[in-house]
Structure formats: C-alpha cells, structure tokens
Amino acid sequence: MRILTLVLLAISFAAPARAAEITVLAGMGVISGVSDLAPAYEKLTGHTVTVKFEQAAAMNQMINSGAPADIAALQPEQVDTFITQGKMVAGTKTNFAQAGVGVAVKTGAPRPDISTAEAFRNAMINARSIGYSQAGSGLIAAKVMEKLGIADQLKSKTKFINGLPVAEAVAKGEVEIGLQQINVIIPVEGADYIGPLPKELQDTVRFAAGVLTASKQKDLARAFLNFIVSADAGPLLRRSGMEPWH
C-alpha cells in the first residue's frame, strides 16, 4: 500500500502549483461510496475532485455529448458499452464497489421480521404496500419475489419508484416497505434501515468506473481509479454501506 501511495503522490502531487481538478460523474447507486472516496483522494494528492451525481438518462446524455468530465462511475455493463462506443477509454475499466439490497420502513414504524427467507416472504405478503425501482436493486427485488413465488400476489400493492431513493418514498409514507441498495437507504432521514435481504436471497449491484474520452486530465483520472481500488479505499466504501469489488 505504501508503494501505491508513493506512486500516487509522485503522479498527482508534485507541487501545489500543479494541483488540478477532476470531475467524476456518478449515479445514485454509488453516491455514498464516491462521496467518501473523493475527499480522501483530495487529502492524499492536493487535487480537487468534483463529483456530479446524475440520474441515468442525464448521465448517458452527458457522456454521449462529450460533456466536460474525466471519469464516470456506472454499472460494469454500461462502462463496457461506452468503451465500445468510444466514449470511454479502452483499458481503463475499473471494478471497484458493490452493494447488497436492504429493507427500509418509515422511522418509528413496526419492523417486520426479515431474518429468514420464510420470514421475509411473510413480511412481503403482510405489507400494505411495497416499493422498489425498475433497475439495479429493483431487478434483484423482482427476482426475489419470483423466487419466493409471490410476484403475482404482490402486483397490486407494488409501486415502482424511479428518479429518487426508494427510502424517500418510504419516509414520505408513499409505501410501507422499500427495497433498495443498503448504501442508498442508510443516509435517508425519516426511513429506517432494518436489515439486508436474507443471505439465501441476497445479491449485489456492482459498479465500475472508467476514464472518459472527453477528459483533459487522463493521467490524473487514471491515478484516481488506482486509488479507488487501493487498500485505503476499502474501509471508506464499507463506512458507506458498500463493499470493495475488483
């Protein structure tokens, strides 16, 4: 780790006069992890990392239009697509984080038992309403309902929530129970994270990052990618409810 740190310092922090700024585009699913990684990299190198969080459609448009930015953090398949299209630099794809799916209820509401697959199944059947997205963690939630044989039974009380954290809808009382990435649930005020999906039902949403072709700071961008898979990055990701993945 010390060797990596010295390399980063040599590349990125030769002198204060050379301090620069890089911009990272990131989606909702990886907000917490990148928010902790960016200031740590700033402290290490003296450079500034500006993180712009965008909804998927807006981020895709920015990348496709060549908007000024240096790195994008997306799901791995999306990075592959942008590399194929020439919008991201080949050879820079960096797998770095993953997050499991958890369950949220409104703060102060009863907490159903979700400790086993059977208990979780009963909690879903007994819930007045359930919410999850139609991408990422929502796809995992939908597969879980199919696996448990209750998808049809839950159709009438399932609400698809897109464009904002599912936990926000829970906090507002729009749905009784929400399923989303653990790291996205935890920061939302008014919603309580009550635990992960049971082990036998759990899966993770994974994230990768890559250097954008439009970047004018490609060397610094690569140095940032090296940092987010370093030993120092692991505790930062875990603090935000994510796990390293590479």
Protein backbone atom coordinates (compact mmCIF):
# COMPACT_ATOMS: atom_id res chain seq x y z
CA MET A 1 0.00 0.00 0.00
CA ARG A 2 2.86 2.37 0.80
CA ILE A 3 4.28 1.83 -2.70
CA LEU A 4 0.89 2.70 -4.23
CA THR A 5 0.64 5.81 -2.06
CA LEU A 6 4.09 6.97 -3.16
CA VAL A 7 3.20 6.41 -6.80
CA LEU A 8 0.01 8.42 -6.41
CA LEU A 9 1.89 11.21 -4.71
CA ALA A 10 4.52 11.24 -7.42
CA ILE A 11 1.92 11.39 -10.19
CA SER A 12 -0.59 13.69 -8.59
CA PHE A 13 1.11 15.96 -6.06
CA ALA A 14 4.46 17.03 -7.40
CA ALA A 15 3.89 20.62 -6.29
CA PRO A 16 0.96 22.78 -5.14
CA ALA A 17 1.22 24.80 -8.34
CA ARG A 18 0.32 21.67 -10.29
CA ALA A 19 -2.82 20.96 -8.30
CA ALA A 20 -5.69 20.27 -10.66
CA GLU A 21 -9.35 19.37 -10.68
CA ILE A 22 -11.02 16.22 -11.98
CA THR A 23 -14.74 15.67 -12.37
CA VAL A 24 -16.44 12.37 -11.64
CA LEU A 25 -19.95 11.58 -12.89
CA ALA A 26 -21.76 9.10 -10.66
CA GLY A 27 -25.24 7.64 -10.41
CA MET A 28 -27.47 7.33 -7.37
CA GLY A 29 -26.36 3.80 -6.60
CA VAL A 30 -22.77 4.76 -5.90
CA ILE A 31 -23.29 8.19 -4.32
CA SER A 32 -22.20 7.19 -0.83
CA GLY A 33 -19.03 5.42 -1.89
CA VAL A 34 -17.76 8.11 -4.24
CA SER A 35 -18.65 10.81 -1.72
CA ASP A 36 -16.24 9.23 0.77
CA LEU A 37 -13.54 8.33 -1.75
CA ALA A 38 -13.28 11.80 -3.31
CA PRO A 39 -12.21 13.77 -0.20
CA ALA A 40 -9.75 11.03 0.76
CA TYR A 41 -8.10 11.33 -2.64
CA GLU A 42 -8.07 15.11 -2.31
CA LYS A 43 -6.31 14.84 1.05
CA LEU A 44 -3.75 12.43 -0.39
CA THR A 45 -2.92 14.39 -3.54
CA GLY A 46 -3.91 18.02 -3.06
CA HIS A 47 -6.10 17.86 -6.16
CA THR A 48 -9.80 18.68 -6.23
CA VAL A 49 -12.37 16.03 -7.07
CA THR A 50 -15.74 17.40 -8.13
CA VAL A 51 -18.45 14.75 -8.01
CA LYS A 52 -21.60 15.26 -10.05
CA PHE A 53 -24.47 12.92 -9.28
CA GLU A 54 -26.83 12.40 -12.17
CA GLN A 55 -29.83 10.26 -12.99
CA ALA A 56 -29.05 7.56 -15.54
CA ALA A 57 -30.67 9.26 -18.53
CA ALA A 58 -28.97 12.59 -17.84
CA MET A 59 -25.59 10.93 -17.30
CA ASN A 60 -25.87 8.95 -20.52
CA GLN A 61 -26.66 12.14 -22.38
CA MET A 62 -23.68 13.93 -20.84
CA ILE A 63 -21.30 11.10 -21.76
CA ASN A 64 -22.68 10.79 -25.29
CA SER A 65 -22.40 14.53 -25.87
CA GLY A 66 -18.80 14.70 -24.63
CA ALA A 67 -19.65 16.98 -21.71
CA PRO A 68 -16.58 18.11 -19.72
CA ALA A 69 -15.77 15.38 -17.18
CA ASP A 70 -12.97 12.93 -16.51
CA ILE A 71 -14.46 9.77 -15.02
CA ALA A 72 -17.86 8.08 -14.92
CA ALA A 73 -18.90 5.52 -12.30
CA LEU A 74 -21.60 3.21 -13.62
CA GLN A 75 -22.63 -0.40 -13.66
CA PRO A 76 -19.99 -2.55 -15.41
CA GLU A 77 -22.10 -3.33 -18.46
CA GLN A 78 -22.62 0.37 -19.09
CA VAL A 79 -18.89 1.02 -18.93
CA ASP A 80 -18.33 -1.76 -21.48
CA THR A 81 -20.90 -0.17 -23.79
CA PHE A 82 -19.33 3.29 -23.60
CA ILE A 83 -15.87 1.84 -24.24
CA THR A 84 -17.21 0.05 -27.33
CA GLN A 85 -18.77 3.33 -28.49
CA GLY A 86 -15.51 5.21 -27.98
CA LYS A 87 -16.94 7.41 -25.22
CA MET A 88 -14.66 5.89 -22.54
CA VAL A 89 -11.01 4.96 -22.84
CA ALA A 90 -10.28 1.29 -23.54
CA GLY A 91 -8.26 -0.37 -20.81
CA THR A 92 -9.46 1.95 -18.04
CA LYS A 93 -12.47 -0.03 -16.83
CA THR A 94 -12.03 -0.41 -13.06
CA ASN A 95 -14.36 -2.58 -10.99
CA PHE A 96 -14.41 -1.06 -7.52
CA ALA A 97 -17.62 -1.35 -5.48
CA GLN A 98 -20.74 -3.40 -4.81
CA ALA A 99 -23.74 -3.13 -2.53
CA GLY A 100 -26.35 -5.57 -1.30
CA VAL A 101 -30.09 -4.95 -1.12
CA GLY A 102 -31.75 -3.98 2.14
CA VAL A 103 -35.18 -3.24 3.56
CA ALA A 104 -36.48 0.09 4.87
CA VAL A 105 -39.54 1.20 6.83
CA LYS A 106 -40.66 4.63 7.96
CA THR A 107 -38.91 5.80 11.12
CA GLY A 108 -40.87 4.63 14.15
CA ALA A 109 -42.95 2.09 12.21
CA PRO A 110 -43.05 -1.58 13.25
CA ARG A 111 -40.09 -3.56 11.96
CA PRO A 112 -41.14 -6.82 10.33
CA ASP A 113 -39.04 -9.93 10.77
CA ILE A 114 -36.89 -10.44 7.65
CA SER A 115 -34.27 -12.70 9.23
CA THR A 116 -35.03 -15.74 7.06
CA ALA A 117 -36.41 -16.31 3.59
CA GLU A 118 -39.72 -17.51 5.05
CA ALA A 119 -39.95 -14.55 7.43
CA PHE A 120 -39.17 -12.15 4.58
CA ARG A 121 -41.81 -13.82 2.40
CA ASN A 122 -44.43 -13.38 5.13
CA ALA A 123 -43.40 -9.75 5.65
CA MET A 124 -43.94 -9.01 1.96
CA ILE A 125 -47.33 -10.76 1.93
CA ASN A 126 -48.47 -8.90 5.04
CA ALA A 127 -47.25 -5.47 3.92
CA ARG A 128 -49.84 -2.93 2.79
CA SER A 129 -47.50 -1.67 0.05
CA ILE A 130 -44.00 -2.36 -1.27
CA GLY A 131 -41.71 -0.17 -3.32
CA TYR A 132 -38.59 -0.72 -5.40
CA SER A 133 -37.08 0.61 -8.61
CA GLN A 134 -37.06 -0.90 -12.09
CA ALA A 135 -33.28 -1.09 -12.37
CA GLY A 136 -30.30 -2.19 -10.31
CA SER A 137 -31.53 -3.21 -6.86
CA GLY A 138 -35.11 -3.23 -8.15
CA LEU A 139 -34.26 -6.01 -10.60
CA ILE A 140 -32.85 -8.02 -7.72
CA ALA A 141 -36.00 -7.37 -5.67
CA ALA A 142 -38.21 -8.50 -8.55
CA LYS A 143 -36.20 -11.73 -8.94
CA VAL A 144 -36.56 -12.39 -5.22
CA MET A 145 -40.35 -12.11 -5.43
CA GLU A 146 -40.34 -14.52 -8.36
CA LYS A 147 -38.07 -16.93 -6.49
CA LEU A 148 -40.40 -16.87 -3.50
CA GLY A 149 -43.42 -17.46 -5.73
CA ILE A 150 -45.24 -14.31 -4.62
CA ALA A 151 -44.69 -11.92 -7.53
CA ASP A 152 -48.24 -12.19 -8.85
CA GLN A 153 -49.68 -11.95 -5.35
CA LEU A 154 -47.82 -8.68 -4.75
CA LYS A 155 -48.53 -6.96 -8.09
CA SER A 156 -51.47 -4.90 -6.86
CA LYS A 157 -49.51 -3.42 -3.95
CA THR A 158 -46.11 -2.97 -5.57
CA LYS A 159 -45.09 0.55 -6.58
CA PHE A 160 -42.16 1.16 -8.90
CA ILE A 161 -40.15 4.14 -7.72
CA ASN A 162 -37.71 5.77 -10.11
CA GLY A 163 -35.85 9.06 -10.02
CA LEU A 164 -35.41 9.23 -6.25
CA PRO A 165 -34.25 6.91 -3.47
CA VAL A 166 -36.90 4.34 -2.58
CA ALA A 167 -36.27 5.15 1.08
CA GLU A 168 -37.50 8.71 0.44
CA ALA A 169 -40.84 7.30 -0.69
CA VAL A 170 -40.86 5.21 2.50
CA ALA A 171 -40.09 8.27 4.62
CA LYS A 172 -42.97 10.16 2.97
CA GLY A 173 -45.37 7.29 3.66
CA GLU A 174 -45.90 6.54 -0.03
CA VAL A 175 -45.03 2.87 0.56
CA GLU A 176 -44.83 0.86 3.75
CA ILE A 177 -41.75 -1.19 2.88
CA GLY A 178 -38.95 -0.27 0.49
CA LEU A 179 -36.22 -2.40 -1.02
CA GLN A 180 -33.06 -0.78 -2.31
CA GLN A 181 -29.28 -0.84 -2.07
CA ILE A 182 -28.24 -0.69 1.56
CA ASN A 183 -25.90 2.26 0.97
CA VAL A 184 -28.70 4.29 -0.61
CA ILE A 185 -31.15 3.59 2.23
CA ILE A 186 -28.85 4.48 5.13
CA PRO A 187 -28.46 8.26 4.51
CA VAL A 188 -32.20 8.96 4.09
CA GLU A 189 -33.76 10.75 7.04
CA GLY A 190 -37.20 9.54 8.03
CA ALA A 191 -36.56 5.96 6.93
CA ASP A 192 -35.02 3.19 9.00
CA TYR A 193 -32.80 0.51 7.51
CA ILE A 194 -33.95 -2.69 9.21
CA GLY A 195 -31.56 -5.15 7.62
CA PRO A 196 -30.36 -6.88 4.46
CA LEU A 197 -32.19 -9.45 2.41
CA PRO A 198 -31.70 -12.93 3.90
CA LYS A 199 -28.43 -14.48 2.75
CA GLU A 200 -30.09 -17.04 0.50
CA LEU A 201 -31.95 -14.26 -1.34
CA GLN A 202 -29.19 -11.64 -1.43
CA ASP A 203 -27.38 -10.37 -4.48
CA THR A 204 -25.30 -7.27 -5.13
CA VAL A 205 -25.37 -4.33 -7.51
CA ARG A 206 -21.87 -3.77 -8.84
CA PHE A 207 -20.09 -0.68 -10.03
CA ALA A 208 -17.15 0.14 -12.27
CA ALA A 209 -15.54 3.37 -13.39
CA GLY A 210 -13.56 4.43 -16.42
CA VAL A 211 -11.83 7.43 -17.94
CA LEU A 212 -13.97 9.44 -20.31
CA THR A 213 -12.62 10.11 -23.79
CA ALA A 214 -13.51 13.79 -23.27
CA SER A 215 -11.18 14.03 -20.26
CA LYS A 216 -8.34 16.52 -20.46
CA GLN A 217 -6.76 15.09 -17.28
CA LYS A 218 -6.42 11.43 -18.26
CA ASP A 219 -3.30 10.73 -16.17
CA LEU A 220 -4.91 12.16 -13.04
CA ALA A 221 -8.11 10.30 -13.82
CA ARG A 222 -6.16 7.03 -14.03
CA ALA A 223 -4.50 7.84 -10.70
CA PHE A 224 -7.93 8.29 -9.12
CA LEU A 225 -9.01 4.91 -10.49
CA ASN A 226 -5.89 3.35 -8.93
CA PHE A 227 -6.83 4.91 -5.61
CA ILE A 228 -10.40 3.59 -5.52
CA VAL A 229 -9.15 0.00 -5.69
CA SER A 230 -6.36 0.52 -3.16
CA ALA A 231 -6.34 -0.91 0.37
CA ASP A 232 -7.16 2.56 1.70
CA ALA A 233 -10.40 2.64 -0.29
CA GLY A 234 -11.93 -0.49 1.28
CA PRO A 235 -12.71 0.99 4.72
CA LEU A 236 -14.18 4.10 3.08
CA LEU A 237 -16.55 2.02 0.98
CA ARG A 238 -17.56 -0.09 3.98
CA ARG A 239 -18.28 3.02 6.02
CA SER A 240 -20.88 4.00 3.45
CA GLY A 241 -22.58 0.58 3.35
CA MET A 242 -20.75 -0.70 0.28
CA GLU A 243 -18.04 -3.32 -0.23
CA PRO A 244 -14.96 -3.37 -2.47
CA TRP A 245 -15.35 -5.31 -5.72
CA HIS A 246 -12.43 -5.94 -8.05
